Amino acid sequence: MGCAVPGDAGPKGCDAVQAFHRDFIASGATNHEYDVERLVVDEDCIATDGVMRIVYPGRALAATGQPVENLDAYYR
């Protein structure tokens, strides 16, 4: 099982969730792999649990303050 973030750290409300996904797509970090280990479905919800690996553009990492050697490279 992967690492879990303690507590609930996600965006709240429709506008915040939409903004989160718009910003994520705009960052260019849309190359990812998701190994779903659990899938729970009921009448109102679908929940997944697993390990996600994301390839981040150097520019997106630099924008968060992470040191990168090459802004045009991709990092995982």
N, C-alpha and C. Protein backbone atom coordinates (compact mmCIF):
# COMPACT_ATOMS: atom_id res chain seq x y z
N MET A 1 0.85 -1.18 0.00
CA MET A 1 0.00 0.00 0.00
C MET A 1 0.89 1.24 0.00
N GLY A 2 0.45 2.30 -0.65
CA GLY A 2 1.22 3.54 -0.74
C GLY A 2 1.11 4.40 0.50
N CYS A 3 1.72 5.56 0.44
CA CYS A 3 1.69 6.50 1.56
C CYS A 3 0.36 7.25 1.56
N ALA A 4 -0.13 7.52 2.73
CA ALA A 4 -1.38 8.27 2.86
C ALA A 4 -1.11 9.63 3.48
N VAL A 5 -1.84 10.62 3.04
CA VAL A 5 -1.76 11.95 3.63
C VAL A 5 -2.72 11.97 4.81
N PRO A 6 -2.24 12.33 6.00
CA PRO A 6 -3.15 12.35 7.15
C PRO A 6 -4.20 13.45 6.99
N GLY A 7 -5.42 13.14 7.34
CA GLY A 7 -6.49 14.12 7.24
C GLY A 7 -7.00 14.26 5.82
N ASP A 8 -7.85 15.20 5.63
CA ASP A 8 -8.46 15.45 4.33
C ASP A 8 -7.86 16.72 3.75
N ALA A 9 -7.03 16.57 2.72
CA ALA A 9 -6.30 17.72 2.18
C ALA A 9 -6.85 18.21 0.84
N GLY A 10 -7.88 17.58 0.33
CA GLY A 10 -8.38 17.91 -1.00
C GLY A 10 -9.19 19.19 -1.05
N PRO A 11 -9.43 19.69 -2.27
CA PRO A 11 -10.24 20.91 -2.43
C PRO A 11 -11.69 20.64 -2.01
N LYS A 12 -12.37 21.68 -1.54
CA LYS A 12 -13.76 21.55 -1.08
C LYS A 12 -14.68 22.38 -1.96
N GLY A 13 -15.78 21.78 -2.37
CA GLY A 13 -16.76 22.50 -3.17
C GLY A 13 -16.50 22.37 -4.65
N CYS A 14 -17.54 22.52 -5.44
CA CYS A 14 -17.48 22.34 -6.89
C CYS A 14 -16.47 23.30 -7.54
N ASP A 15 -16.51 24.57 -7.18
CA ASP A 15 -15.60 25.54 -7.80
C ASP A 15 -14.14 25.21 -7.49
N ALA A 16 -13.86 24.82 -6.25
CA ALA A 16 -12.49 24.50 -5.86
C ALA A 16 -12.00 23.24 -6.56
N VAL A 17 -12.85 22.24 -6.71
CA VAL A 17 -12.47 21.01 -7.41
C VAL A 17 -12.21 21.31 -8.88
N GLN A 18 -13.07 22.11 -9.51
CA GLN A 18 -12.85 22.46 -10.90
C GLN A 18 -11.55 23.24 -11.08
N ALA A 19 -11.27 24.16 -10.18
CA ALA A 19 -10.03 24.95 -10.26
C ALA A 19 -8.81 24.04 -10.09
N PHE A 20 -8.89 23.08 -9.16
CA PHE A 20 -7.78 22.15 -8.94
C PHE A 20 -7.46 21.40 -10.23
N HIS A 21 -8.49 20.88 -10.90
CA HIS A 21 -8.26 20.11 -12.12
C HIS A 21 -7.83 20.99 -13.28
N ARG A 22 -8.35 22.21 -13.38
CA ARG A 22 -7.88 23.15 -14.42
C ARG A 22 -6.40 23.45 -14.23
N ASP A 23 -6.00 23.73 -12.98
CA ASP A 23 -4.60 24.04 -12.70
C ASP A 23 -3.69 22.84 -12.96
N PHE A 24 -4.17 21.64 -12.60
CA PHE A 24 -3.39 20.42 -12.83
C PHE A 24 -3.14 20.22 -14.33
N ILE A 25 -4.17 20.37 -15.14
CA ILE A 25 -4.03 20.21 -16.59
C ILE A 25 -3.11 21.29 -17.15
N ALA A 26 -3.27 22.52 -16.67
CA ALA A 26 -2.43 23.62 -17.15
C ALA A 26 -0.96 23.42 -16.80
N SER A 27 -0.67 22.67 -15.72
CA SER A 27 0.73 22.45 -15.30
C SER A 27 1.48 21.54 -16.27
N GLY A 28 0.75 20.79 -17.08
CA GLY A 28 1.39 19.87 -18.01
C GLY A 28 1.71 18.52 -17.40
N ALA A 29 1.37 18.31 -16.13
CA ALA A 29 1.68 17.05 -15.44
C ALA A 29 0.56 16.03 -15.66
N THR A 30 0.22 15.82 -16.91
CA THR A 30 -0.92 14.94 -17.21
C THR A 30 -0.49 13.55 -17.67
N ASN A 31 0.80 13.27 -17.65
CA ASN A 31 1.29 11.92 -17.95
C ASN A 31 1.39 11.16 -16.64
N HIS A 32 0.45 10.25 -16.42
CA HIS A 32 0.49 9.52 -15.16
C HIS A 32 0.00 8.09 -15.34
N GLU A 33 0.33 7.29 -14.34
CA GLU A 33 -0.07 5.89 -14.30
C GLU A 33 -0.71 5.65 -12.94
N TYR A 34 -1.83 4.96 -12.91
CA TYR A 34 -2.54 4.72 -11.65
C TYR A 34 -2.80 3.24 -11.51
N ASP A 35 -2.12 2.60 -10.56
CA ASP A 35 -2.34 1.18 -10.25
C ASP A 35 -3.44 1.10 -9.20
N VAL A 36 -4.66 0.86 -9.64
CA VAL A 36 -5.80 0.79 -8.72
C VAL A 36 -5.73 -0.53 -7.96
N GLU A 37 -5.65 -0.42 -6.62
CA GLU A 37 -5.61 -1.60 -5.77
C GLU A 37 -6.98 -1.93 -5.20
N ARG A 38 -7.81 -0.91 -5.01
CA ARG A 38 -9.16 -1.11 -4.50
C ARG A 38 -10.12 -0.21 -5.26
N LEU A 39 -11.31 -0.72 -5.50
CA LEU A 39 -12.37 0.03 -6.15
C LEU A 39 -13.65 -0.25 -5.38
N VAL A 40 -14.29 0.82 -4.91
CA VAL A 40 -15.54 0.69 -4.16
C VAL A 40 -16.61 1.49 -4.89
N VAL A 41 -17.74 0.85 -5.14
CA VAL A 41 -18.82 1.48 -5.88
C VAL A 41 -20.12 1.27 -5.13
N ASP A 42 -20.91 2.35 -4.98
CA ASP A 42 -22.28 2.22 -4.49
C ASP A 42 -23.17 3.13 -5.33
N GLU A 43 -24.38 3.34 -4.92
CA GLU A 43 -25.32 4.12 -5.73
C GLU A 43 -24.91 5.59 -5.87
N ASP A 44 -24.13 6.11 -4.93
CA ASP A 44 -23.81 7.54 -4.91
C ASP A 44 -22.34 7.87 -5.12
N CYS A 45 -21.48 6.86 -5.16
CA CYS A 45 -20.05 7.18 -5.11
C CYS A 45 -19.22 6.09 -5.78
N ILE A 46 -18.09 6.51 -6.34
CA ILE A 46 -17.05 5.59 -6.80
C ILE A 46 -15.76 6.06 -6.12
N ALA A 47 -15.09 5.16 -5.43
CA ALA A 47 -13.83 5.50 -4.75
C ALA A 47 -12.75 4.52 -5.19
N THR A 48 -11.55 5.04 -5.41
CA THR A 48 -10.42 4.20 -5.77
C THR A 48 -9.29 4.42 -4.78
N ASP A 49 -8.43 3.42 -4.68
CA ASP A 49 -7.25 3.51 -3.84
C ASP A 49 -6.13 2.81 -4.57
N GLY A 50 -4.96 3.39 -4.59
CA GLY A 50 -3.83 2.77 -5.26
C GLY A 50 -2.65 3.72 -5.33
N VAL A 51 -1.70 3.35 -6.15
CA VAL A 51 -0.46 4.12 -6.30
C VAL A 51 -0.51 4.88 -7.62
N MET A 52 -0.32 6.20 -7.56
CA MET A 52 -0.27 7.02 -8.76
C MET A 52 1.15 7.54 -8.96
N ARG A 53 1.62 7.39 -10.18
CA ARG A 53 2.93 7.92 -10.55
C ARG A 53 2.71 8.99 -11.60
N ILE A 54 3.31 10.16 -11.36
CA ILE A 54 3.12 11.29 -12.27
C ILE A 54 4.48 11.76 -12.79
N VAL A 55 4.53 12.05 -14.08
CA VAL A 55 5.72 12.64 -14.69
C VAL A 55 5.49 14.14 -14.73
N TYR A 56 6.34 14.89 -14.00
CA TYR A 56 6.16 16.34 -13.88
C TYR A 56 7.10 17.08 -14.82
N PRO A 57 6.60 18.08 -15.54
CA PRO A 57 7.49 18.95 -16.33
C PRO A 57 8.38 19.76 -15.39
N GLY A 58 9.62 19.98 -15.81
CA GLY A 58 10.54 20.76 -15.00
C GLY A 58 9.99 22.13 -14.63
N ARG A 59 9.28 22.76 -15.54
CA ARG A 59 8.72 24.09 -15.26
C ARG A 59 7.67 24.04 -14.15
N ALA A 60 6.87 22.97 -14.11
CA ALA A 60 5.87 22.84 -13.05
C ALA A 60 6.54 22.65 -11.70
N LEU A 61 7.60 21.86 -11.65
CA LEU A 61 8.32 21.66 -10.40
C LEU A 61 8.99 22.96 -9.94
N ALA A 62 9.62 23.67 -10.89
CA ALA A 62 10.28 24.93 -10.55
C ALA A 62 9.27 25.94 -10.00
N ALA A 63 8.05 25.92 -10.53
CA ALA A 63 7.01 26.86 -10.06
C ALA A 63 6.63 26.60 -8.61
N THR A 64 6.88 25.37 -8.11
CA THR A 64 6.58 25.05 -6.71
C THR A 64 7.80 25.24 -5.82
N GLY A 65 8.90 25.71 -6.40
CA GLY A 65 10.10 25.95 -5.61
C GLY A 65 11.08 24.78 -5.59
N GLN A 66 10.78 23.72 -6.34
CA GLN A 66 11.67 22.56 -6.38
C GLN A 66 12.86 22.87 -7.30
N PRO A 67 14.06 22.48 -6.88
CA PRO A 67 15.22 22.70 -7.76
C PRO A 67 15.19 21.70 -8.92
N VAL A 68 15.40 22.18 -10.14
CA VAL A 68 15.47 21.32 -11.31
C VAL A 68 16.68 21.72 -12.15
N GLU A 69 17.29 20.74 -12.78
CA GLU A 69 18.45 21.01 -13.62
C GLU A 69 18.05 21.54 -14.99
N ASN A 70 16.90 21.07 -15.50
CA ASN A 70 16.50 21.42 -16.85
C ASN A 70 15.00 21.71 -16.86
N LEU A 71 14.63 22.95 -17.12
CA LEU A 71 13.21 23.32 -17.13
C LEU A 71 12.42 22.62 -18.20
N ASP A 72 13.09 22.17 -19.27
CA ASP A 72 12.39 21.50 -20.37
C ASP A 72 12.32 19.98 -20.21
N ALA A 73 12.95 19.45 -19.17
CA ALA A 73 12.93 17.99 -18.94
C ALA A 73 11.69 17.60 -18.13
N TYR A 74 11.47 16.30 -18.05
CA TYR A 74 10.37 15.76 -17.24
C TYR A 74 10.96 14.92 -16.12
N TYR A 75 10.33 14.97 -14.96
CA TYR A 75 10.82 14.28 -13.77
C TYR A 75 9.72 13.44 -13.14
N ARG A 76 10.12 12.29 -12.59
CA ARG A 76 9.14 11.48 -11.88
C ARG A 76 9.55 11.24 -10.47
